[in-house]
């Protein structure tokens, strides 16, 4: 029963998580689009032909790398080929080298950590995320990835400590008038902490964080959305609708329709008595 509720709660917050980084700009590696195009093309080819072609491509890139170990074009080509072969483990080596050659470019490190996590090498993934955060303290993708790893390992307090410590640094930096442009996105950090609290059913703590975010940035739609979704889950639909309407007004054009769809969703009715019973059940499990 607890697992079912956790899965439902994760689904409810899926939209919020996707929007968490919505206002943060970051570069997209060329390999992403090329991989999608390659996968679409491969679907129409024969398996044997595809396998042979990819083996030859990988061999070609490997020969180049024997002569030029730091050739980024060859590393990218080998990485893409390994991924198209479905050999994620073999993709780790070129990805690691790309991350080492581009320490100022966190995208490679993010892909590396995600690949390590996919291979269930959680310790390596955590180390990779930590290296990214050490060099880029405000990188929300690395922070979110590390939080997800902690949560999947039932280390919620470690996740809370990570975000709270980063949030403290952000607030400290923000209060320093002589500081240059902040590397932190304060609202995104608050939303991430609120998400953790919500998953832990610490709803009061989550609401406090969301209220702080709303007060801190009156032009950001995300804290309004987050609080509205949490209130909806608690059965406070009228209050949620008020927040959704305000969020729609403040949201960038590209998100308005999605927010309207969210506001029109009608969750199953849940009385306050049922909410209390549900919490009591969880305590006894």
Foldseek 3Di string as FASTA:
>chain_A
DLVVVLVVLCVLCVVLVVCLCVPPDADDDPLVVVLVVVLVVVVPDDPVVLVVVLVVQLVVLVVVCVVVVLPLVSLSSNLSSCVSVVNLVVNLVSLVSVCVVCVVHCPSLLVNLVSCVVVVVNVVSLVSLVSNCVVQVAPVSSLLSNLVSCVVVVNLVVNLVSLVVSLVVQVVQVPPPPHDDDSHDNLSSLQSNLSSCVSVVVNVVSLVSLVVSCVVDVLALSSLQSNLSSCVVQQNLVSSLVSLVSSLVRDDPVCNVVSVVVNPDDDDHDDNVNVVVVVVVVVVD
